[in-house]
Amino acid sequence: MFPRMDAICTLLDRHSVAEFDTLPAEVQNLHNLALAFMEVSHPIDMGWRTTDVDDAFPSSRFEFLPPSNVR
């Protein structure tokens, strides 16, 4: 993913986030993929030894639901 981020950001810069719901599905998916990459890459970039957080929200309290954007 990292080697392609410049090209992905260039493509995404052509579109307005304010119009996200009207973007083609491929662009929405690429946006979501890039966003996920940026959100999860910071522990690696910052050299964290672990991503465990002592006072994190307990995963047992998460409730996973079906996708809300199924059309």
N, C-alpha and C. Protein backbone atom coordinates (compact mmCIF):
# COMPACT_ATOMS: atom_id res chain seq x y z
N MET A 1 0.83 -1.19 0.00
CA MET A 1 0.00 0.00 0.00
C MET A 1 0.87 1.25 0.00
N PHE A 2 1.91 1.26 0.84
CA PHE A 2 2.73 2.47 0.99
C PHE A 2 3.31 2.97 -0.34
N PRO A 3 3.85 2.09 -1.19
CA PRO A 3 4.43 2.60 -2.44
C PRO A 3 3.42 3.29 -3.34
N ARG A 4 2.13 3.02 -3.17
CA ARG A 4 1.10 3.60 -4.03
C ARG A 4 0.40 4.82 -3.42
N MET A 5 0.73 5.18 -2.18
CA MET A 5 -0.02 6.24 -1.49
C MET A 5 0.06 7.58 -2.20
N ASP A 6 1.20 7.95 -2.76
CA ASP A 6 1.28 9.23 -3.48
C ASP A 6 0.30 9.26 -4.64
N ALA A 7 0.27 8.20 -5.42
CA ALA A 7 -0.65 8.14 -6.56
C ALA A 7 -2.11 8.12 -6.09
N ILE A 8 -2.37 7.40 -5.02
CA ILE A 8 -3.73 7.33 -4.48
C ILE A 8 -4.17 8.71 -4.00
N CYS A 9 -3.31 9.41 -3.28
CA CYS A 9 -3.65 10.76 -2.78
C CYS A 9 -3.85 11.73 -3.94
N THR A 10 -3.05 11.61 -4.98
CA THR A 10 -3.22 12.47 -6.16
C THR A 10 -4.59 12.24 -6.78
N LEU A 11 -4.97 10.99 -6.92
CA LEU A 11 -6.29 10.69 -7.48
C LEU A 11 -7.40 11.20 -6.58
N LEU A 12 -7.28 10.98 -5.28
CA LEU A 12 -8.32 11.40 -4.35
C LEU A 12 -8.43 12.92 -4.25
N ASP A 13 -7.33 13.63 -4.49
CA ASP A 13 -7.36 15.10 -4.45
C ASP A 13 -8.25 15.69 -5.54
N ARG A 14 -8.56 14.91 -6.55
CA ARG A 14 -9.43 15.39 -7.63
C ARG A 14 -10.90 15.42 -7.21
N HIS A 15 -11.20 14.84 -6.07
CA HIS A 15 -12.59 14.71 -5.62
C HIS A 15 -12.77 15.42 -4.29
N SER A 16 -13.97 15.95 -4.09
CA SER A 16 -14.30 16.63 -2.84
C SER A 16 -14.86 15.63 -1.83
N VAL A 17 -14.34 15.67 -0.63
CA VAL A 17 -14.85 14.80 0.43
C VAL A 17 -16.29 15.17 0.75
N ALA A 18 -16.65 16.43 0.55
CA ALA A 18 -18.02 16.87 0.81
C ALA A 18 -19.03 16.16 -0.09
N GLU A 19 -18.57 15.67 -1.22
CA GLU A 19 -19.44 14.96 -2.16
C GLU A 19 -19.21 13.45 -2.11
N PHE A 20 -18.73 12.96 -0.99
CA PHE A 20 -18.34 11.56 -0.86
C PHE A 20 -19.45 10.60 -1.29
N ASP A 21 -20.67 10.87 -0.87
CA ASP A 21 -21.78 9.96 -1.18
C ASP A 21 -22.09 9.87 -2.66
N THR A 22 -21.67 10.85 -3.44
CA THR A 22 -21.95 10.83 -4.88
C THR A 22 -20.77 10.33 -5.70
N LEU A 23 -19.66 10.04 -5.05
CA LEU A 23 -18.49 9.55 -5.77
C LEU A 23 -18.72 8.11 -6.24
N PRO A 24 -18.03 7.72 -7.32
CA PRO A 24 -18.14 6.32 -7.76
C PRO A 24 -17.69 5.38 -6.63
N ALA A 25 -18.27 4.20 -6.61
CA ALA A 25 -17.96 3.23 -5.55
C ALA A 25 -16.47 2.92 -5.49
N GLU A 26 -15.80 2.88 -6.65
CA GLU A 26 -14.37 2.58 -6.67
C GLU A 26 -13.57 3.65 -5.93
N VAL A 27 -13.98 4.91 -6.09
CA VAL A 27 -13.28 6.01 -5.43
C VAL A 27 -13.57 5.99 -3.93
N GLN A 28 -14.81 5.71 -3.57
CA GLN A 28 -15.16 5.59 -2.15
C GLN A 28 -14.35 4.48 -1.49
N ASN A 29 -14.24 3.34 -2.16
CA ASN A 29 -13.48 2.22 -1.60
C ASN A 29 -12.00 2.57 -1.46
N LEU A 30 -11.45 3.25 -2.46
CA LEU A 30 -10.05 3.65 -2.40
C LEU A 30 -9.83 4.65 -1.27
N HIS A 31 -10.76 5.58 -1.10
CA HIS A 31 -10.69 6.55 -0.01
C HIS A 31 -10.68 5.82 1.34
N ASN A 32 -11.60 4.88 1.51
CA ASN A 32 -11.68 4.14 2.77
C ASN A 32 -10.42 3.32 3.02
N LEU A 33 -9.88 2.71 1.98
CA LEU A 33 -8.65 1.93 2.11
C LEU A 33 -7.48 2.83 2.52
N ALA A 34 -7.36 3.98 1.86
CA ALA A 34 -6.28 4.92 2.19
C ALA A 34 -6.44 5.45 3.62
N LEU A 35 -7.65 5.76 4.00
CA LEU A 35 -7.91 6.24 5.36
C LEU A 35 -7.53 5.18 6.40
N ALA A 36 -7.92 3.95 6.15
CA ALA A 36 -7.57 2.87 7.08
C ALA A 36 -6.06 2.70 7.17
N PHE A 37 -5.38 2.77 6.03
CA PHE A 37 -3.92 2.64 6.03
C PHE A 37 -3.29 3.74 6.87
N MET A 38 -3.76 4.98 6.69
CA MET A 38 -3.18 6.10 7.43
C MET A 38 -3.45 5.99 8.93
N GLU A 39 -4.61 5.47 9.29
CA GLU A 39 -4.95 5.35 10.70
C GLU A 39 -4.17 4.25 11.41
N VAL A 40 -3.85 3.17 10.71
CA VAL A 40 -3.18 2.06 11.38
C VAL A 40 -1.67 2.07 11.22
N SER A 41 -1.14 2.92 10.36
CA SER A 41 0.30 2.90 10.11
C SER A 41 1.11 3.69 11.14
N HIS A 42 0.47 4.56 11.92
CA HIS A 42 1.24 5.42 12.82
C HIS A 42 2.02 4.66 13.89
N PRO A 43 1.54 3.55 14.45
CA PRO A 43 2.39 2.84 15.42
C PRO A 43 3.70 2.35 14.81
N ILE A 44 3.64 1.92 13.57
CA ILE A 44 4.86 1.47 12.89
C ILE A 44 5.77 2.66 12.62
N ASP A 45 5.18 3.75 12.11
CA ASP A 45 5.97 4.94 11.80
C ASP A 45 6.64 5.52 13.04
N MET A 46 5.97 5.40 14.19
CA MET A 46 6.50 5.97 15.43
C MET A 46 7.38 4.98 16.19
N GLY A 47 7.54 3.77 15.65
CA GLY A 47 8.42 2.79 16.27
C GLY A 47 7.89 2.18 17.55
N TRP A 48 6.56 2.12 17.69
CA TRP A 48 6.00 1.50 18.89
C TRP A 48 6.42 0.04 18.95
N ARG A 49 6.73 -0.44 20.15
CA ARG A 49 7.07 -1.86 20.32
C ARG A 49 5.82 -2.72 20.41
N THR A 50 4.72 -2.13 20.86
CA THR A 50 3.45 -2.85 20.95
C THR A 50 2.33 -1.86 20.71
N THR A 51 1.21 -2.37 20.26
CA THR A 51 0.04 -1.51 20.08
C THR A 51 -0.98 -1.73 21.19
N ASP A 52 -0.63 -2.58 22.15
CA ASP A 52 -1.52 -2.81 23.28
C ASP A 52 -1.54 -1.56 24.17
N VAL A 53 -2.73 -1.17 24.57
CA VAL A 53 -2.91 -0.02 25.45
C VAL A 53 -3.59 -0.54 26.71
N ASP A 54 -2.99 -0.27 27.85
CA ASP A 54 -3.49 -0.82 29.12
C ASP A 54 -4.93 -0.43 29.42
N ASP A 55 -5.29 0.82 29.12
CA ASP A 55 -6.64 1.27 29.47
C ASP A 55 -7.53 1.39 28.24
N ALA A 56 -7.31 0.56 27.25
CA ALA A 56 -8.10 0.60 26.02
C ALA A 56 -9.53 0.11 26.30
N PHE A 57 -10.44 0.54 25.44
CA PHE A 57 -11.83 0.10 25.51
C PHE A 57 -11.85 -1.42 25.31
N PRO A 58 -12.50 -2.19 26.19
CA PRO A 58 -12.46 -3.64 26.07
C PRO A 58 -13.15 -4.14 24.79
N SER A 59 -12.46 -4.96 24.04
CA SER A 59 -13.01 -5.44 22.77
C SER A 59 -14.27 -6.27 22.97
N SER A 60 -14.45 -6.83 24.15
CA SER A 60 -15.66 -7.63 24.42
C SER A 60 -16.92 -6.77 24.40
N ARG A 61 -16.78 -5.46 24.48
CA ARG A 61 -17.94 -4.57 24.47
C ARG A 61 -18.33 -4.12 23.07
N PHE A 62 -17.54 -4.46 22.07
CA PHE A 62 -17.89 -4.11 20.70
C PHE A 62 -19.02 -5.00 20.21
N GLU A 63 -19.94 -4.41 19.47
CA GLU A 63 -21.00 -5.18 18.84
C GLU A 63 -20.87 -4.97 17.34
N PHE A 64 -20.60 -6.03 16.62
CA PHE A 64 -20.41 -5.93 15.18
C PHE A 64 -21.74 -6.14 14.47
N LEU A 65 -22.08 -5.20 13.62
CA LEU A 65 -23.35 -5.21 12.89
C LEU A 65 -23.08 -5.38 11.41
N PRO A 66 -24.09 -5.78 10.65
CA PRO A 66 -23.89 -5.88 9.20
C PRO A 66 -23.57 -4.50 8.62
N PRO A 67 -22.94 -4.46 7.46
CA PRO A 67 -22.62 -3.15 6.85
C PRO A 67 -23.87 -2.30 6.70
N SER A 68 -23.75 -1.02 7.02
CA SER A 68 -24.89 -0.12 6.94
C SER A 68 -25.02 0.50 5.56
N ASN A 69 -24.03 0.30 4.70
CA ASN A 69 -24.09 0.94 3.39
C ASN A 69 -24.43 -0.05 2.27
N VAL A 70 -25.03 -1.18 2.62
CA VAL A 70 -25.43 -2.15 1.61
C VAL A 70 -26.59 -1.56 0.83
N ARG A 71 -26.47 -1.61 -0.47
CA ARG A 71 -27.52 -0.99 -1.30
C ARG A 71 -28.27 -2.03 -2.07
